[in-house]
């Protein structure tokens, strides 16, 4: 636990915080653990703070008015989360949710502390803007693909990007939620791909043969 907090503090030392402010961060950072599938942040809960991923993977996703989900970006070990905390960017309201893709451990600095530091230190404000631009670029890319890239190609791209040793543990429903489409659409396309010997389908698993 102490080592995890020290790792978090090291992230803030580059901003040349005073000893008093570093002590404030150290005293108020929380370690939180989530099981695969747990909700980490749901937009209706409002801003919770600045997140640093110690281990695991988080999925940031949006939900449409009809209930469809689409993955906007993923956070891996060592990543920080900005978009889920709208208090960090003045007048920006972002309705995103965070969910653990696997067992995950994070460090959380509550918004009431981080906002003060952001306003006090220009280096932190610049850091927020830089991270925000990265996340927004990712969001724009996802939305552009959703609008203009055929769903079959998006499925192929997802499988290639997320497969390990040419296979991926995923259900059709979860794959559909990542891509913002219906499970029935994903199942139909996957079955067509299997007939063409591009993939092999197993229960909860997709094996890549020739993509």
Protein backbone atom coordinates (compact mmCIF):
# COMPACT_ATOMS: atom_id res chain seq x y z
CA UNK A 1 0.00 0.00 0.00
CA UNK A 2 2.76 2.44 0.94
CA UNK A 3 4.63 1.63 -2.27
CA UNK A 4 1.49 2.29 -4.33
CA UNK A 5 1.00 5.71 -2.74
CA UNK A 6 4.67 6.57 -3.24
CA UNK A 7 4.24 5.72 -6.93
CA UNK A 8 1.32 8.15 -7.06
CA UNK A 9 3.27 10.88 -5.26
CA UNK A 10 6.11 10.51 -7.76
CA UNK A 11 3.64 11.49 -10.49
CA UNK A 12 3.07 14.81 -8.72
CA UNK A 13 6.68 15.62 -7.90
CA UNK A 14 7.30 16.65 -11.51
CA UNK A 15 4.84 19.51 -10.98
CA UNK A 16 7.09 21.01 -8.27
CA UNK A 17 4.46 20.90 -5.57
CA UNK A 18 5.31 22.29 -2.16
CA UNK A 19 5.97 19.79 0.62
CA UNK A 20 2.68 20.80 2.20
CA UNK A 21 0.74 20.03 -0.97
CA UNK A 22 2.57 16.73 -1.49
CA UNK A 23 1.63 15.78 2.06
CA UNK A 24 -1.98 16.69 1.29
CA UNK A 25 -1.96 14.40 -1.74
CA UNK A 26 -0.36 11.59 0.25
CA UNK A 27 -2.88 11.92 3.08
CA UNK A 28 -5.97 12.01 0.88
CA UNK A 29 -5.30 9.58 -1.96
CA UNK A 30 -7.43 6.42 -1.77
CA UNK A 31 -6.62 2.94 -3.02
CA UNK A 32 -9.63 1.24 -4.60
CA UNK A 33 -9.97 -2.24 -6.08
CA UNK A 34 -12.59 -3.51 -8.52
CA UNK A 35 -13.51 -6.91 -9.88
CA UNK A 36 -14.00 -7.55 -13.58
CA UNK A 37 -17.32 -6.03 -14.65
CA UNK A 38 -17.60 -3.62 -11.71
CA UNK A 39 -18.66 -0.04 -12.39
CA UNK A 40 -15.92 2.36 -11.32
CA UNK A 41 -17.62 5.62 -12.25
CA UNK A 42 -21.13 6.16 -13.55
CA UNK A 43 -21.81 9.63 -14.94
CA UNK A 44 -24.89 10.19 -12.78
CA UNK A 45 -22.63 10.04 -9.72
CA UNK A 46 -20.88 13.19 -10.87
CA UNK A 47 -17.20 14.00 -10.54
CA UNK A 48 -15.27 11.71 -8.21
CA UNK A 49 -11.70 12.79 -8.84
CA UNK A 50 -8.39 12.08 -10.53
CA UNK A 51 -7.68 8.41 -11.23
CA UNK A 52 -4.35 6.65 -11.69
CA UNK A 53 -4.47 2.99 -12.76
CA UNK A 54 -2.06 0.82 -10.78
CA UNK A 55 -2.98 -2.43 -12.51
CA UNK A 56 -5.73 -3.83 -14.66
CA UNK A 57 -7.80 -2.21 -17.39
CA UNK A 58 -10.70 0.22 -17.38
CA UNK A 59 -13.17 0.80 -20.17
CA UNK A 60 -14.59 4.29 -20.66
CA UNK A 61 -17.90 4.13 -22.48
CA UNK A 62 -20.91 6.21 -23.40
CA UNK A 63 -24.56 5.14 -23.42
CA UNK A 64 -27.03 6.33 -26.05
CA UNK A 65 -30.61 7.35 -25.36
CA UNK A 66 -31.69 3.89 -26.56
CA UNK A 67 -29.34 2.14 -24.14
CA UNK A 68 -26.61 1.13 -26.60
CA UNK A 69 -23.05 1.30 -25.32
CA UNK A 70 -19.88 2.22 -27.19
CA UNK A 71 -16.32 2.11 -25.87
CA UNK A 72 -14.60 5.49 -26.17
CA UNK A 73 -11.17 4.57 -24.81
CA UNK A 74 -9.39 2.14 -22.48
CA UNK A 75 -7.11 2.86 -19.54
CA UNK A 76 -4.26 0.49 -18.77
CA UNK A 77 -1.73 0.26 -15.96
CA UNK A 78 0.04 3.61 -15.60
CA UNK A 79 -2.71 5.64 -17.28
CA UNK A 80 -4.50 8.63 -15.77
CA UNK A 81 -8.18 9.39 -16.18
CA UNK A 82 -9.27 12.93 -16.93
CA UNK A 83 -12.51 12.70 -18.87
CA UNK A 84 -14.38 10.92 -16.12
CA UNK A 85 -13.83 13.89 -13.82
CA UNK A 86 -15.45 16.93 -15.38
CA UNK A 87 -14.40 19.15 -12.49
CA UNK A 88 -10.92 19.16 -13.98
CA UNK A 89 -12.00 21.01 -17.09
CA UNK A 90 -14.09 24.09 -16.43
CA UNK A 91 -17.55 24.14 -18.01
CA UNK A 92 -17.06 20.73 -19.63
CA UNK A 93 -19.73 18.15 -18.93
CA UNK A 94 -18.82 14.67 -20.14
CA UNK A 95 -21.21 11.81 -19.63
CA UNK A 96 -18.86 8.84 -19.59
CA UNK A 97 -18.81 5.71 -17.47
CA UNK A 98 -15.87 3.62 -16.33
CA UNK A 99 -16.00 -0.15 -15.97
CA UNK A 100 -13.31 -2.67 -15.04
CA UNK A 101 -12.45 -4.97 -17.95
CA UNK A 102 -10.45 -7.12 -15.54
CA UNK A 103 -9.57 -7.06 -11.85
CA UNK A 104 -8.24 -3.54 -11.39
CA UNK A 105 -6.58 -1.41 -8.72
CA UNK A 106 -6.62 2.38 -8.88
CA UNK A 107 -5.55 5.38 -6.86
CA UNK A 108 -8.15 8.13 -6.51
CA UNK A 109 -7.54 11.73 -5.47
CA UNK A 110 -10.90 13.34 -4.78
CA UNK A 111 -11.93 16.24 -6.99
CA UNK A 112 -12.00 18.67 -4.06
CA UNK A 113 -8.23 18.26 -3.67
CA UNK A 114 -7.22 17.92 -7.31
CA UNK A 115 -9.18 20.99 -8.42
CA UNK A 116 -7.34 23.13 -5.88
CA UNK A 117 -3.99 21.86 -7.12
CA UNK A 118 -4.98 22.44 -10.74
CA UNK A 119 -5.89 26.04 -10.00
CA UNK A 120 -2.76 26.61 -7.93
CA UNK A 121 -0.15 25.06 -10.26
CA UNK A 122 -0.07 26.00 -13.98
CA UNK A 123 1.98 22.85 -14.68
CA UNK A 124 -0.92 20.67 -13.51
CA UNK A 125 -3.40 22.71 -15.54
CA UNK A 126 -1.23 22.17 -18.63
CA UNK A 127 -1.01 18.46 -17.84
CA UNK A 128 -4.81 18.27 -17.69
CA UNK A 129 -5.17 20.01 -21.05
CA UNK A 130 -2.62 17.66 -22.63
CA UNK A 131 -4.36 14.54 -21.35
CA UNK A 132 -7.74 15.94 -22.28
CA UNK A 133 -6.60 16.46 -25.87
CA UNK A 134 -5.42 12.83 -26.05
CA UNK A 135 -8.73 11.49 -24.74
CA UNK A 136 -10.78 13.75 -27.01
CA UNK A 137 -8.74 12.66 -30.03
CA UNK A 138 -9.50 9.05 -29.12
CA UNK A 139 -13.20 9.85 -28.71
CA UNK A 140 -13.34 11.61 -32.09
CA UNK A 141 -11.63 8.64 -33.76
CA UNK A 142 -14.14 6.20 -32.24
CA UNK A 143 -17.13 8.30 -33.26
CA UNK A 144 -15.75 8.76 -36.79
CA UNK A 145 -15.29 5.01 -37.15
CA UNK A 146 -18.81 4.39 -35.84
CA UNK A 147 -20.22 6.74 -38.47
CA UNK A 148 -18.12 5.90 -41.52
CA UNK A 149 -16.43 2.50 -41.11
CA UNK A 150 -18.49 -0.61 -41.96
CA UNK A 151 -19.27 -2.69 -38.89
CA UNK A 152 -17.56 -5.77 -40.36
CA UNK A 153 -14.28 -3.89 -40.66
CA UNK A 154 -14.67 -2.49 -37.14
CA UNK A 155 -15.10 -6.02 -35.79
CA UNK A 156 -11.99 -7.18 -37.65
CA UNK A 157 -9.99 -4.21 -36.35
CA UNK A 158 -11.16 -4.85 -32.78
CA UNK A 159 -10.21 -8.53 -32.92
CA UNK A 160 -6.76 -7.76 -34.31
CA UNK A 161 -6.08 -5.05 -31.74
CA UNK A 162 -7.25 -7.03 -28.72
CA UNK A 163 -6.28 -10.63 -29.50
CA UNK A 164 -3.51 -12.42 -27.62
CA UNK A 165 -1.90 -15.35 -29.41
CA UNK A 166 -4.59 -15.03 -32.09
CA UNK A 167 -7.50 -15.43 -29.71
CA UNK A 168 -9.68 -13.26 -27.52
CA UNK A 169 -11.93 -14.15 -24.60
CA UNK A 170 -15.11 -12.20 -25.26
CA UNK A 171 -18.84 -12.76 -25.71
CA UNK A 172 -20.84 -11.47 -28.65
CA UNK A 173 -22.77 -9.19 -26.31
CA UNK A 174 -19.66 -7.58 -24.86
CA UNK A 175 -18.13 -7.17 -28.31
CA UNK A 176 -21.32 -5.43 -29.43
CA UNK A 177 -21.19 -3.08 -26.43
CA UNK A 178 -17.61 -2.10 -27.30
CA UNK A 179 -18.64 -1.21 -30.84
CA UNK A 180 -22.00 0.41 -30.14
CA UNK A 181 -24.10 -2.05 -32.10
CA UNK A 182 -26.57 -4.88 -31.46
CA UNK A 183 -25.54 -8.36 -30.36
CA UNK A 184 -27.56 -9.88 -33.20
CA UNK A 185 -25.56 -7.89 -35.75
CA UNK A 186 -22.26 -9.01 -34.24
CA UNK A 187 -23.35 -12.66 -34.08
CA UNK A 188 -24.44 -12.66 -37.72
CA UNK A 189 -21.19 -11.13 -38.94
CA UNK A 190 -19.05 -13.45 -36.82
CA UNK A 191 -20.89 -16.50 -38.17
CA UNK A 192 -20.31 -15.27 -41.73
CA UNK A 193 -16.62 -14.79 -40.94
CA UNK A 194 -16.45 -18.31 -39.52
CA UNK A 195 -17.98 -19.72 -42.72
CA UNK A 196 -15.21 -17.96 -44.65
CA UNK A 197 -12.62 -19.61 -42.35
CA UNK A 198 -11.45 -16.23 -41.09
CA UNK A 199 -12.18 -17.06 -37.46
CA UNK A 200 -13.32 -19.94 -35.28
CA UNK A 201 -16.02 -19.41 -32.69
CA UNK A 202 -16.01 -21.12 -29.32
CA UNK A 203 -18.05 -20.44 -26.21
CA UNK A 204 -16.88 -17.06 -24.91
CA UNK A 205 -13.88 -17.11 -27.24
CA UNK A 206 -12.96 -16.06 -30.78
CA UNK A 207 -9.93 -17.60 -32.47
CA UNK A 208 -8.36 -15.72 -35.38
CA UNK A 209 -7.45 -17.95 -38.31
CA UNK A 210 -6.86 -15.69 -41.30
CA UNK A 211 -7.67 -12.01 -40.79
